[in-house]
Amino acid sequence: MSDREAGPGAALRTSRPAGPRAKAAATIAARLTFEAVGHAYDGVVSVDGVSLDVEPGEVLCLLGQSGCGKTTLLRLAAGVEQPSAGRILINGQEVSGPKAFLPPERRGVGLMFQDYALFPHLTIVANVMFGLTALPKGEAEREALQALARVGLESHAFDYPHELSGGEQQRVALARAIAPRPSVLLMDEPFSGLDRRLRDSVRDETLAVLRETRATSLVVTHDPEEAMRMGDRIALMRRGRLVQVGTASEIYHRPADLFTARFFSELNVVEGRAGGHEVETPLGRFETPGTLEGQAVEVAIRPQGVALQPADAPPDRRNRRPGVPGRVVETRFLGEVDLVEVAVEGLDQPLKARLRGGPALPPGTDVTVSVDPAEVLVFAK
């Protein structure tokens, strides 16, 4: 929802500088554990044997394509769905499994939906009070106003959702989720409805609140950059299973397979066969792990690892690897970088390079192509 769509007064409110945001009160973080959890919809497997441990106070991002099972895993943790196999524990207590099933309201879990799910007929403070029904009305209102202060929206307490911008509605949903001070906070694609202009700032504000509350947080996203920016760790899913779990740096530099590597960056993929701890390609020879000896392999080259020089330029002495000849097919200006496609003998598809600075390379330019080995990954085919 854009500011223009949010109502006649929204643009004025969002342009006004917000007051200082109150600090969030810390909660007692809990450990969230999935043990061999399975789930199916009408016989179709959606979650397949997932085992995952989320540390107290950790922000873990569940990453994957649409339909991979990440939202289902979130709903299982919340108690909205029941597992068909395995169990889920919070601080070592079984909340879903063969021996127990605690309803959502007894789990100490906060759930933030993708569409915010605000009640249009209730004021903002009444929306935040919705999860505080166990408290007397006066105390619930004080807690709700405090939660709104944490996200910088106490001045909008008696407005209605349609009067707020998309970014403000997202912060109201966050205030409602943290008001009961949950030990575990579950967030389903919380920023997908925001335009790019708002997304970064609202995401940073949300992360600051999560750090202050210290709630154990499980955040579902399909955006790898968002996962890398927010998560202490990332759990990548595919077809209901975990593919790899680790920090952003671990997964980016040491991806488990080609699927994982492709998820985090664009790749040029060249096929070959490993032999003598190396693989021969039209772009030169690259090292391979000894475990791949004699196997057909796929060599993945990140575009930022491809360097181009005009063929008539003096050789770059800093580059110890000899280059191969190529010809520029297309050049696209992308602001900070140029995306250049180069035809190289022996390759079926043009090689993509992301170049920062340097001379312009219009189509038809003969170039020398070299590759940085640090940007090369080799996987079994």
Protein backbone atom coordinates (compact mmCIF):
# COMPACT_ATOMS: atom_id res chain seq x y z
CA MET A 1 0.00 0.00 0.00
CA SER A 2 1.52 3.35 -0.98
CA ASP A 3 1.28 6.57 1.05
CA ARG A 4 -1.04 7.99 -1.63
CA GLU A 5 -3.43 5.08 -1.23
CA ALA A 6 -3.47 5.24 2.55
CA GLY A 7 -5.78 8.25 2.89
CA PRO A 8 -5.78 12.02 2.45
CA GLY A 9 -3.75 12.77 5.60
CA ALA A 10 -1.19 9.99 5.30
CA ALA A 11 1.34 11.85 3.16
CA LEU A 12 1.41 14.76 5.64
CA ARG A 13 1.94 12.39 8.57
CA THR A 14 4.74 10.40 6.95
CA SER A 15 6.58 13.57 5.90
CA ARG A 16 6.50 14.83 9.50
CA PRO A 17 9.61 13.89 11.52
CA ALA A 18 8.75 11.26 14.09
CA GLY A 19 9.59 11.76 17.74
CA PRO A 20 12.17 9.62 19.51
CA ARG A 21 11.12 5.99 19.69
CA ALA A 22 10.78 4.58 23.18
CA LYS A 23 13.02 1.69 24.11
CA ALA A 24 11.34 -1.71 24.12
CA ALA A 25 11.18 -3.68 27.33
CA ALA A 26 13.14 -6.92 27.15
CA THR A 27 11.35 -10.25 27.30
CA ILE A 28 12.61 -13.63 28.45
CA ALA A 29 13.67 -15.26 25.20
CA ALA A 30 12.87 -18.93 24.62
CA ARG A 31 14.51 -21.71 22.64
CA LEU A 32 12.36 -22.92 19.72
CA THR A 33 13.06 -26.47 18.54
CA PHE A 34 11.72 -28.49 15.60
CA GLU A 35 12.44 -32.23 15.78
CA ALA A 36 11.88 -34.18 12.53
CA VAL A 37 8.69 -32.22 11.88
CA GLY A 38 6.43 -33.26 9.01
CA HIS A 39 3.18 -31.91 7.58
CA ALA A 40 0.96 -32.56 4.55
CA TYR A 41 -2.03 -30.88 2.92
CA ASP A 42 -4.47 -33.46 1.50
CA GLY A 43 -1.68 -36.00 1.20
CA VAL A 44 0.78 -33.56 -0.44
CA VAL A 45 3.90 -33.15 1.71
CA SER A 46 4.58 -29.52 2.65
CA VAL A 47 7.18 -30.01 5.40
CA ASP A 48 9.43 -33.05 5.29
CA GLY A 49 11.45 -34.05 8.36
CA VAL A 50 12.63 -30.59 9.39
CA SER A 51 14.93 -30.42 12.43
CA LEU A 52 15.97 -26.93 13.49
CA ASP A 53 17.03 -25.24 16.72
CA VAL A 54 16.48 -21.47 17.14
CA GLU A 55 18.58 -20.05 19.97
CA PRO A 56 17.06 -17.78 22.65
CA GLY A 57 17.10 -14.18 21.39
CA GLU A 58 18.21 -15.20 17.89
CA VAL A 59 16.73 -13.75 14.70
CA LEU A 60 16.56 -16.64 12.23
CA CYS A 61 15.30 -16.09 8.68
CA LEU A 62 13.43 -18.89 6.91
CA LEU A 63 14.28 -18.39 3.25
CA GLY A 64 12.93 -20.06 0.15
CA GLN A 65 10.76 -19.85 -2.95
CA SER A 66 6.97 -19.73 -2.78
CA GLY A 67 5.52 -23.11 -1.83
CA CYS A 68 8.70 -24.49 -0.24
CA GLY A 69 7.05 -24.94 3.19
CA LYS A 70 8.46 -21.98 5.12
CA THR A 71 5.07 -20.41 5.99
CA THR A 72 3.69 -23.83 6.95
CA LEU A 73 6.62 -24.28 9.35
CA LEU A 74 5.77 -20.89 10.87
CA ARG A 75 2.09 -21.88 11.27
CA LEU A 76 3.15 -25.14 12.93
CA ALA A 77 5.25 -23.19 15.44
CA ALA A 78 2.31 -20.87 16.13
CA GLY A 79 -0.12 -23.76 16.68
CA VAL A 80 -2.32 -22.79 13.74
CA GLU A 81 -1.46 -26.15 12.10
CA GLN A 82 -0.67 -29.53 13.67
CA PRO A 83 2.33 -31.62 12.54
CA SER A 84 1.74 -35.06 11.08
CA ALA A 85 5.13 -36.21 12.38
CA GLY A 86 7.79 -35.07 14.84
CA ARG A 87 7.37 -32.50 17.55
CA ILE A 88 7.90 -28.81 18.38
CA LEU A 89 9.29 -27.63 21.70
CA ILE A 90 9.56 -24.22 23.39
CA ASN A 91 12.21 -24.18 26.13
CA GLY A 92 12.20 -27.96 26.11
CA GLN A 93 8.42 -28.24 26.61
CA GLU A 94 6.54 -30.09 23.90
CA VAL A 95 3.86 -27.81 22.44
CA SER A 96 3.06 -29.90 19.34
CA GLY A 97 3.62 -33.61 18.99
CA PRO A 98 2.43 -37.08 19.96
CA LYS A 99 2.17 -36.22 23.67
CA ALA A 100 0.81 -32.67 23.67
CA PHE A 101 -0.77 -29.89 21.67
CA LEU A 102 -0.94 -26.43 23.23
CA PRO A 103 -3.31 -23.96 21.54
CA PRO A 104 -1.72 -20.75 20.15
CA GLU A 105 -2.84 -18.56 23.07
CA ARG A 106 -0.96 -20.74 25.59
CA ARG A 107 2.38 -20.84 23.78
CA GLY A 108 3.71 -17.35 24.57
CA VAL A 109 4.12 -16.83 20.83
CA GLY A 110 3.48 -13.64 18.84
CA LEU A 111 2.41 -13.93 15.19
CA MET A 112 2.71 -11.13 12.63
CA PHE A 113 0.86 -11.78 9.38
CA GLN A 114 1.91 -10.81 5.86
CA ASP A 115 -1.15 -8.58 5.35
CA TYR A 116 -0.92 -7.10 8.91
CA ALA A 117 -4.55 -8.23 9.61
CA LEU A 118 -5.54 -4.95 11.29
CA PHE A 119 -9.22 -4.51 12.17
CA PRO A 120 -10.48 -1.56 10.07
CA HIS A 121 -13.29 -0.63 12.50
CA LEU A 122 -10.95 -0.36 15.52
CA THR A 123 -8.60 2.47 16.40
CA ILE A 124 -4.87 1.81 16.33
CA VAL A 125 -4.63 1.50 20.11
CA ALA A 126 -7.64 -0.87 20.13
CA ASN A 127 -5.92 -3.01 17.49
CA VAL A 128 -2.82 -3.28 19.68
CA MET A 129 -4.96 -4.03 22.77
CA PHE A 130 -6.57 -6.97 20.97
CA GLY A 131 -3.90 -9.39 22.24
CA LEU A 132 -4.06 -8.09 25.82
CA THR A 133 -7.51 -9.36 26.78
CA ALA A 134 -6.18 -10.96 29.97
CA LEU A 135 -5.38 -7.52 31.42
CA PRO A 136 -7.83 -4.97 32.88
CA LYS A 137 -8.83 -2.39 30.28
CA GLY A 138 -6.81 0.46 31.78
CA GLU A 139 -3.66 -1.62 32.09
CA ALA A 140 -4.13 -3.04 28.59
CA GLU A 141 -4.40 0.48 27.17
CA ARG A 142 -1.21 1.55 28.96
CA GLU A 143 0.66 -1.49 27.58
CA ALA A 144 -0.71 -0.82 24.08
CA LEU A 145 0.35 2.84 24.18
CA GLN A 146 3.80 1.79 25.38
CA ALA A 147 4.09 -0.68 22.49
CA LEU A 148 3.08 2.05 20.03
CA ALA A 149 5.72 4.33 21.56
CA ARG A 150 8.32 1.63 20.88
CA VAL A 151 7.56 1.85 17.17
CA GLY A 152 7.16 5.64 17.12
CA LEU A 153 3.38 5.75 16.57
CA GLU A 154 1.92 6.86 19.89
CA SER A 155 0.66 10.07 18.23
CA HIS A 156 -1.57 7.92 15.94
CA ALA A 157 -3.13 5.89 18.76
CA PHE A 158 -6.68 7.06 18.04
CA ASP A 159 -6.48 7.07 14.25
CA TYR A 160 -7.87 4.20 12.14
CA PRO A 161 -5.85 1.83 9.92
CA HIS A 162 -7.06 3.39 6.63
CA GLU A 163 -5.58 6.72 7.74
CA LEU A 164 -2.07 5.30 7.95
CA SER A 165 0.52 4.57 5.27
CA GLY A 166 1.69 1.04 4.51
CA GLY A 167 4.85 1.53 6.56
CA GLU A 168 2.84 2.81 9.53
CA GLN A 169 0.41 -0.12 9.34
CA GLN A 170 3.36 -2.50 9.37
CA ARG A 171 4.65 -0.87 12.56
CA VAL A 172 1.20 -1.12 14.16
CA ALA A 173 1.19 -4.85 13.41
CA LEU A 174 4.64 -5.11 15.01
CA ALA A 175 3.42 -3.20 18.09
CA ARG A 176 0.45 -5.56 18.42
CA ALA A 177 2.77 -8.58 18.15
CA ILE A 178 5.22 -7.37 20.81
CA ALA A 179 2.65 -5.86 23.23
CA PRO A 180 2.09 -9.19 25.10
CA ARG A 181 5.91 -9.54 25.32
CA PRO A 182 6.06 -12.96 23.64
CA SER A 183 9.09 -15.15 24.18
CA VAL A 184 8.90 -16.21 20.50
CA LEU A 185 7.91 -13.89 17.65
CA LEU A 186 6.89 -15.34 14.27
CA MET A 187 6.80 -13.00 11.23
CA ASP A 188 5.44 -14.06 7.84
CA GLU A 189 6.84 -11.95 4.95
CA PRO A 190 6.40 -8.80 7.06
CA PHE A 191 7.81 -6.34 4.49
CA SER A 192 6.53 -7.76 1.20
CA GLY A 193 3.65 -5.25 1.01
CA LEU A 194 5.93 -2.21 1.23
CA ASP A 195 7.39 -0.37 -1.74
CA ARG A 196 11.15 -0.31 -2.08
CA ARG A 197 11.39 3.27 -0.78
CA LEU A 198 9.91 2.25 2.58
CA ARG A 199 11.14 -1.31 2.90
CA ASP A 200 14.71 -0.66 3.99
CA SER A 201 13.87 1.92 6.66
CA VAL A 202 10.94 -0.05 8.13
CA ARG A 203 13.01 -3.24 8.13
CA ASP A 204 15.84 -1.51 10.01
CA GLU A 205 13.39 -0.09 12.56
CA THR A 206 11.83 -3.53 13.03
CA LEU A 207 15.22 -5.18 13.54
CA ALA A 208 16.07 -2.56 16.19
CA VAL A 209 12.86 -3.42 18.08
CA LEU A 210 13.59 -7.15 17.83
CA ARG A 211 17.07 -6.60 19.27
CA GLU A 212 15.65 -4.57 22.17
CA THR A 213 12.88 -7.02 23.05
CA ARG A 214 15.25 -9.99 22.67
CA ALA A 215 12.34 -12.18 21.60
CA THR A 216 13.41 -15.28 19.72
CA SER A 217 12.36 -14.38 16.17
CA LEU A 218 11.57 -16.55 13.15
CA VAL A 219 11.15 -14.41 10.02
CA VAL A 220 9.82 -15.86 6.74
CA THR A 221 11.10 -14.23 3.54
CA HIS A 222 11.73 -15.07 -0.12
CA ASP A 223 14.30 -12.25 -0.47
CA PRO A 224 17.92 -13.41 0.09
CA GLU A 225 19.18 -9.86 0.65
CA GLU A 226 16.55 -9.33 3.34
CA ALA A 227 17.56 -12.59 5.01
CA MET A 228 21.22 -11.58 4.95
CA ARG A 229 20.46 -8.14 6.40
CA MET A 230 18.19 -9.34 9.21
CA GLY A 231 19.16 -12.85 10.22
CA ASP A 232 21.75 -13.97 12.73
CA ARG A 233 21.40 -17.19 10.76
CA ILE A 234 19.50 -18.27 7.65
CA ALA A 235 17.65 -21.54 7.07
CA LEU A 236 17.17 -22.16 3.34
CA MET A 237 14.27 -24.46 2.38
CA ARG A 238 13.39 -26.31 -0.80
CA ARG A 239 10.40 -28.61 -1.36
CA GLY A 240 9.65 -28.89 2.35
CA ARG A 241 13.20 -29.69 3.41
CA LEU A 242 16.09 -27.73 4.87
CA VAL A 243 18.88 -27.31 2.33
CA GLN A 244 21.39 -25.42 4.47
CA VAL A 245 21.49 -23.54 7.77
CA GLY A 246 24.20 -21.04 8.67
CA THR A 247 25.24 -17.41 8.81
CA ALA A 248 24.93 -15.28 5.67
CA SER A 249 28.70 -15.44 5.17
CA GLU A 250 28.84 -19.23 5.57
CA ILE A 251 26.06 -19.88 3.07
CA TYR A 252 27.28 -17.32 0.53
CA HIS A 253 30.93 -18.44 0.55
CA ARG A 254 30.33 -22.16 1.12
CA PRO A 255 26.94 -23.04 -0.40
CA ALA A 256 25.87 -26.66 -0.08
CA ASP A 257 24.91 -27.00 -3.75
CA LEU A 258 24.24 -25.12 -6.98
CA PHE A 259 20.63 -24.37 -5.95
CA THR A 260 21.87 -22.57 -2.84
CA ALA A 261 24.56 -20.66 -4.73
CA ARG A 262 22.02 -19.52 -7.35
CA PHE A 263 19.67 -18.32 -4.62
CA PHE A 264 22.22 -15.79 -3.37
CA SER A 265 23.72 -14.50 -6.61
CA GLU A 266 23.45 -14.64 -10.38
CA LEU A 267 25.79 -17.26 -11.85
CA ASN A 268 27.45 -18.28 -15.09
CA VAL A 269 27.44 -22.09 -15.16
CA VAL A 270 29.94 -24.06 -17.25
CA GLU A 271 30.09 -27.85 -17.39
CA GLY A 272 33.26 -29.94 -17.26
CA ARG A 273 34.88 -33.04 -15.75
CA ALA A 274 37.18 -32.99 -12.74
CA GLY A 275 40.61 -34.56 -13.09
CA GLY A 276 43.84 -34.06 -11.18
CA HIS A 277 42.08 -31.70 -8.74
CA GLU A 278 41.23 -29.36 -11.63
CA VAL A 279 38.57 -28.88 -14.25
CA GLU A 280 39.23 -27.60 -17.76
CA THR A 281 36.78 -25.01 -19.12
CA PRO A 282 36.75 -22.57 -22.06
CA LEU A 283 37.67 -19.90 -19.47
CA GLY A 284 40.71 -21.75 -18.11
CA ARG A 285 41.44 -24.35 -15.44
CA PHE A 286 39.97 -24.16 -11.93
CA GLU A 287 40.65 -26.14 -8.78
CA THR A 288 38.16 -28.78 -7.69
CA PRO A 289 37.75 -30.64 -4.37
CA GLY A 290 39.40 -34.06 -4.34
CA THR A 291 36.02 -35.66 -3.63
CA LEU A 292 34.91 -34.73 -7.17
CA GLU A 293 37.79 -36.51 -8.92
CA GLY A 294 36.60 -38.04 -12.20
CA GLN A 295 33.06 -36.70 -11.88
CA ALA A 296 31.06 -34.48 -14.20
CA VAL A 297 30.92 -31.06 -12.53
CA GLU A 298 29.28 -27.67 -12.90
CA VAL A 299 31.55 -24.64 -12.55
CA ALA A 300 29.62 -21.62 -11.21
CA ILE A 301 31.19 -18.21 -11.81
CA ARG A 302 29.76 -15.08 -10.21
CA PRO A 303 29.48 -12.17 -12.70
CA GLN A 304 31.44 -9.87 -10.38
CA GLY A 305 34.37 -12.29 -10.68
CA VAL A 306 34.64 -11.77 -14.45
CA ALA A 307 37.12 -9.08 -15.61
CA LEU A 308 37.20 -7.66 -19.14
CA GLN A 309 39.86 -5.61 -20.91
CA PRO A 310 39.89 -4.31 -24.47
CA ALA A 311 41.91 -6.76 -26.55
CA ASP A 312 44.34 -4.01 -27.62
CA ALA A 313 45.00 -2.81 -24.03
CA PRO A 314 48.35 -3.64 -22.37
CA PRO A 315 48.11 -6.73 -20.16
CA ASP A 316 47.19 -6.18 -16.51
CA ARG A 317 50.23 -7.36 -14.57
CA ARG A 318 48.18 -7.73 -11.39
CA ASN A 319 46.20 -10.53 -13.02
CA ARG A 320 48.43 -13.61 -13.03
CA ARG A 321 45.89 -15.79 -14.81
CA PRO A 322 46.00 -15.57 -18.60
CA GLY A 323 42.78 -14.39 -20.22
CA VAL A 324 40.83 -15.80 -23.16
CA PRO A 325 39.47 -13.85 -26.13
CA GLY A 326 35.84 -12.76 -26.27
CA ARG A 327 33.55 -10.27 -27.95
CA VAL A 328 30.99 -8.01 -26.27
CA VAL A 329 27.42 -8.88 -27.27
CA GLU A 330 25.47 -6.43 -25.11
CA THR A 331 26.11 -3.77 -22.47
CA ARG A 332 23.47 -2.48 -20.03
CA PHE A 333 24.02 0.43 -17.67
CA LEU A 334 22.62 -0.44 -14.19
CA GLY A 335 23.79 2.60 -12.25
CA GLU A 336 26.62 1.43 -10.01
CA VAL A 337 27.68 -1.30 -12.46
CA ASP A 338 27.51 -2.23 -16.12
CA LEU A 339 26.08 -5.64 -16.99
CA VAL A 340 28.07 -6.89 -19.97
CA GLU A 341 27.40 -10.08 -21.96
CA VAL A 342 30.39 -11.57 -23.76
CA ALA A 343 30.58 -14.34 -26.35
CA VAL A 344 33.44 -16.77 -25.65
CA GLU A 345 34.40 -19.66 -27.92
CA GLY A 346 33.26 -22.96 -26.40
CA LEU A 347 30.40 -21.49 -24.37
CA ASP A 348 26.79 -22.05 -25.45
CA GLN A 349 25.54 -18.90 -23.72
CA PRO A 350 27.11 -15.44 -23.41
CA LEU A 351 29.14 -14.92 -20.25
CA LYS A 352 27.76 -12.24 -17.91
CA ALA A 353 30.08 -9.78 -16.19
CA ARG A 354 29.27 -7.02 -13.69
CA LEU A 355 31.80 -4.26 -14.11
CA ARG A 356 32.29 -1.26 -11.86
CA GLY A 357 34.02 1.67 -13.57
CA GLY A 358 36.57 1.19 -16.34
CA PRO A 359 36.26 1.97 -20.05
CA ALA A 360 32.95 1.68 -21.89
CA LEU A 361 32.66 -1.57 -23.84
CA PRO A 362 30.07 -1.21 -26.60
CA PRO A 363 28.77 -4.29 -28.48
CA GLY A 364 31.29 -5.64 -30.95
CA THR A 365 34.34 -4.78 -28.80
CA ASP A 366 36.99 -7.51 -28.75
CA VAL A 367 38.06 -8.17 -25.16
CA THR A 368 40.28 -10.35 -23.02
CA VAL A 369 38.27 -12.28 -20.41
CA SER A 370 39.76 -13.37 -17.08
CA VAL A 371 38.14 -14.87 -13.99
CA ASP A 372 38.90 -14.37 -10.29
CA PRO A 373 39.22 -17.89 -8.75
CA ALA A 374 37.74 -16.57 -5.48
CA GLU A 375 34.41 -16.10 -7.29
CA VAL A 376 34.31 -19.66 -8.67
CA LEU A 377 32.36 -22.54 -7.10
CA VAL A 378 32.47 -26.15 -8.31
CA PHE A 379 29.69 -28.69 -7.69
CA ALA A 380 29.00 -32.26 -8.74
CA LYS A 381 26.57 -32.24 -11.66
